[in-house]
Amino acid sequence: MDSSIDAIALQVNGESKTCPLGTKLPEFLIQVGLNPQLIAIEYNGEILARPLWESTALQANDRLEIVTIVGGG
């Protein structure tokens, strides 16, 4: 069996990344070491509302721009 069928390629902040086919957005964020509570996401050119994250399955060639929220004073 060809394992490349089970993985998809996407762009994250301009870098090529891969993940398993059918990966939900929150799963992917954890896989790449991000805390979903501290980020905002642009998904294929549009800000993705947090309530939609759980139902968003990543697709081949998706483009994510991820911004980390930084606190400070």
N, C-alpha and C. Protein backbone atom coordinates (compact mmCIF):
# COMPACT_ATOMS: atom_id res chain seq x y z
N MET A 1 0.85 -1.19 0.00
CA MET A 1 0.00 0.00 0.00
C MET A 1 0.89 1.24 0.00
N ASP A 2 0.49 2.25 -0.74
CA ASP A 2 1.25 3.50 -0.84
C ASP A 2 0.85 4.42 0.30
N SER A 3 1.78 4.66 1.25
CA SER A 3 1.44 5.48 2.41
C SER A 3 1.26 6.95 2.07
N SER A 4 1.73 7.40 0.90
CA SER A 4 1.58 8.81 0.54
C SER A 4 0.11 9.18 0.34
N ILE A 5 -0.74 8.19 0.07
CA ILE A 5 -2.17 8.45 -0.08
C ILE A 5 -2.77 8.88 1.25
N ASP A 6 -2.19 8.41 2.35
CA ASP A 6 -2.73 8.70 3.67
C ASP A 6 -2.31 10.05 4.22
N ALA A 7 -1.41 10.75 3.54
CA ALA A 7 -0.92 12.04 4.02
C ALA A 7 -1.26 13.13 3.00
N ILE A 8 -1.49 14.32 3.52
CA ILE A 8 -1.76 15.46 2.65
C ILE A 8 -0.73 16.55 2.92
N ALA A 9 -0.51 17.38 1.93
CA ALA A 9 0.41 18.52 2.06
C ALA A 9 -0.41 19.79 2.19
N LEU A 10 0.06 20.69 3.06
CA LEU A 10 -0.58 21.99 3.22
C LEU A 10 0.49 23.03 3.52
N GLN A 11 0.10 24.29 3.45
CA GLN A 11 1.01 25.40 3.73
C GLN A 11 0.64 26.00 5.08
N VAL A 12 1.64 26.12 5.97
CA VAL A 12 1.43 26.72 7.28
C VAL A 12 2.44 27.84 7.44
N ASN A 13 1.93 29.07 7.49
CA ASN A 13 2.79 30.26 7.57
C ASN A 13 3.87 30.22 6.49
N GLY A 14 3.47 29.80 5.29
CA GLY A 14 4.38 29.79 4.14
C GLY A 14 5.28 28.57 4.05
N GLU A 15 5.21 27.66 5.01
CA GLU A 15 6.05 26.46 5.00
C GLU A 15 5.21 25.24 4.66
N SER A 16 5.81 24.32 3.92
CA SER A 16 5.12 23.08 3.58
C SER A 16 5.09 22.15 4.79
N LYS A 17 3.92 21.63 5.11
CA LYS A 17 3.74 20.67 6.20
C LYS A 17 2.90 19.52 5.67
N THR A 18 2.94 18.40 6.36
CA THR A 18 2.08 17.29 6.02
C THR A 18 1.34 16.83 7.27
N CYS A 19 0.21 16.18 7.04
CA CYS A 19 -0.54 15.59 8.14
C CYS A 19 -1.37 14.45 7.56
N PRO A 20 -1.84 13.55 8.42
CA PRO A 20 -2.68 12.46 7.94
C PRO A 20 -4.00 12.99 7.35
N LEU A 21 -4.47 12.32 6.33
CA LEU A 21 -5.75 12.64 5.71
C LEU A 21 -6.84 12.58 6.78
N GLY A 22 -7.71 13.58 6.80
CA GLY A 22 -8.82 13.60 7.75
C GLY A 22 -8.50 14.24 9.09
N THR A 23 -7.28 14.78 9.25
CA THR A 23 -6.90 15.42 10.52
C THR A 23 -7.77 16.65 10.76
N LYS A 24 -8.34 16.74 11.94
CA LYS A 24 -9.10 17.92 12.32
C LYS A 24 -8.13 19.02 12.76
N LEU A 25 -8.52 20.25 12.58
CA LEU A 25 -7.66 21.38 12.87
C LEU A 25 -7.07 21.35 14.29
N PRO A 26 -7.87 21.14 15.35
CA PRO A 26 -7.27 21.13 16.70
C PRO A 26 -6.20 20.04 16.87
N GLU A 27 -6.42 18.87 16.25
CA GLU A 27 -5.42 17.79 16.30
C GLU A 27 -4.12 18.25 15.67
N PHE A 28 -4.22 18.89 14.52
CA PHE A 28 -3.03 19.35 13.80
C PHE A 28 -2.26 20.36 14.64
N LEU A 29 -2.97 21.28 15.26
CA LEU A 29 -2.31 22.30 16.08
C LEU A 29 -1.49 21.66 17.19
N ILE A 30 -2.04 20.65 17.83
CA ILE A 30 -1.32 19.95 18.88
C ILE A 30 -0.13 19.19 18.30
N GLN A 31 -0.30 18.57 17.13
CA GLN A 31 0.79 17.83 16.49
C GLN A 31 1.99 18.72 16.21
N VAL A 32 1.74 19.98 15.86
CA VAL A 32 2.85 20.89 15.56
C VAL A 32 3.29 21.70 16.79
N GLY A 33 2.75 21.36 17.96
CA GLY A 33 3.23 21.95 19.21
C GLY A 33 2.63 23.29 19.57
N LEU A 34 1.44 23.59 19.07
CA LEU A 34 0.80 24.87 19.39
C LEU A 34 -0.33 24.66 20.38
N ASN A 35 -0.52 25.64 21.25
CA ASN A 35 -1.63 25.63 22.19
C ASN A 35 -2.83 26.28 21.51
N PRO A 36 -3.87 25.51 21.20
CA PRO A 36 -5.03 26.08 20.49
C PRO A 36 -5.67 27.26 21.21
N GLN A 37 -5.47 27.40 22.51
CA GLN A 37 -6.07 28.50 23.26
C GLN A 37 -5.36 29.84 23.02
N LEU A 38 -4.15 29.78 22.47
CA LEU A 38 -3.34 31.00 22.36
C LEU A 38 -3.05 31.42 20.92
N ILE A 39 -3.92 31.03 19.99
CA ILE A 39 -3.66 31.38 18.59
C ILE A 39 -4.93 31.83 17.88
N ALA A 40 -4.71 32.50 16.75
CA ALA A 40 -5.78 32.84 15.82
C ALA A 40 -5.37 32.23 14.47
N ILE A 41 -6.35 31.85 13.67
CA ILE A 41 -6.05 31.16 12.42
C ILE A 41 -6.77 31.80 11.24
N GLU A 42 -6.00 32.01 10.18
CA GLU A 42 -6.56 32.35 8.88
C GLU A 42 -6.50 31.07 8.06
N TYR A 43 -7.66 30.64 7.58
CA TYR A 43 -7.79 29.38 6.85
C TYR A 43 -8.19 29.67 5.41
N ASN A 44 -7.28 29.40 4.50
CA ASN A 44 -7.51 29.67 3.08
C ASN A 44 -7.98 31.10 2.82
N GLY A 45 -7.32 32.04 3.51
CA GLY A 45 -7.56 33.45 3.25
C GLY A 45 -8.62 34.12 4.10
N GLU A 46 -9.27 33.36 4.99
CA GLU A 46 -10.31 33.95 5.84
C GLU A 46 -10.08 33.56 7.29
N ILE A 47 -10.36 34.50 8.21
CA ILE A 47 -10.26 34.19 9.63
C ILE A 47 -11.28 33.10 9.94
N LEU A 48 -10.82 32.05 10.61
CA LEU A 48 -11.69 30.93 10.94
C LEU A 48 -12.15 31.08 12.39
N ALA A 49 -13.45 31.21 12.56
CA ALA A 49 -14.03 31.36 13.90
C ALA A 49 -13.76 30.11 14.73
N ARG A 50 -13.38 30.31 15.97
CA ARG A 50 -13.03 29.21 16.87
C ARG A 50 -14.10 28.11 16.93
N PRO A 51 -15.40 28.44 16.95
CA PRO A 51 -16.41 27.37 17.00
C PRO A 51 -16.37 26.42 15.80
N LEU A 52 -15.74 26.83 14.72
CA LEU A 52 -15.66 25.98 13.52
C LEU A 52 -14.44 25.06 13.52
N TRP A 53 -13.50 25.28 14.42
CA TRP A 53 -12.25 24.51 14.41
C TRP A 53 -12.50 23.01 14.51
N GLU A 54 -13.34 22.59 15.46
CA GLU A 54 -13.57 21.16 15.70
C GLU A 54 -14.12 20.45 14.47
N SER A 55 -14.89 21.14 13.65
CA SER A 55 -15.51 20.50 12.49
C SER A 55 -14.68 20.68 11.21
N THR A 56 -13.53 21.35 11.31
CA THR A 56 -12.71 21.61 10.13
C THR A 56 -11.67 20.51 9.95
N ALA A 57 -11.88 19.69 8.91
CA ALA A 57 -10.90 18.65 8.55
C ALA A 57 -9.99 19.23 7.48
N LEU A 58 -8.70 19.13 7.70
CA LEU A 58 -7.74 19.70 6.76
C LEU A 58 -7.75 18.93 5.44
N GLN A 59 -7.61 19.68 4.36
CA GLN A 59 -7.63 19.13 3.01
C GLN A 59 -6.29 19.42 2.33
N ALA A 60 -5.97 18.64 1.33
CA ALA A 60 -4.74 18.87 0.57
C ALA A 60 -4.71 20.29 0.04
N ASN A 61 -3.56 20.93 0.15
CA ASN A 61 -3.30 22.28 -0.35
C ASN A 61 -3.98 23.39 0.44
N ASP A 62 -4.52 23.09 1.61
CA ASP A 62 -5.04 24.16 2.46
C ASP A 62 -3.90 25.10 2.83
N ARG A 63 -4.25 26.37 3.08
CA ARG A 63 -3.28 27.38 3.51
C ARG A 63 -3.70 27.90 4.87
N LEU A 64 -2.81 27.75 5.85
CA LEU A 64 -3.06 28.25 7.19
C LEU A 64 -2.06 29.33 7.52
N GLU A 65 -2.54 30.42 8.07
CA GLU A 65 -1.67 31.44 8.67
C GLU A 65 -2.03 31.44 10.13
N ILE A 66 -1.07 31.13 10.97
CA ILE A 66 -1.32 30.99 12.40
C ILE A 66 -0.58 32.09 13.14
N VAL A 67 -1.32 32.82 13.96
CA VAL A 67 -0.75 33.92 14.74
C VAL A 67 -0.87 33.55 16.21
N THR A 68 0.26 33.60 16.90
CA THR A 68 0.28 33.31 18.33
C THR A 68 -0.01 34.59 19.11
N ILE A 69 -0.90 34.48 20.09
CA ILE A 69 -1.23 35.61 20.95
C ILE A 69 -0.18 35.70 22.03
N VAL A 70 0.42 36.87 22.16
CA VAL A 70 1.48 37.08 23.15
C VAL A 70 1.01 38.12 24.15
N GLY A 71 1.09 37.75 25.42
CA GLY A 71 0.71 38.69 26.47
C GLY A 71 1.94 39.46 26.93
N GLY A 72 1.71 40.53 27.60
CA GLY A 72 2.84 41.31 28.11
C GLY A 72 2.37 42.65 28.63
N GLY A 73 3.33 43.39 29.07
CA GLY A 73 2.94 44.67 29.61
C GLY A 73 3.94 45.73 29.29
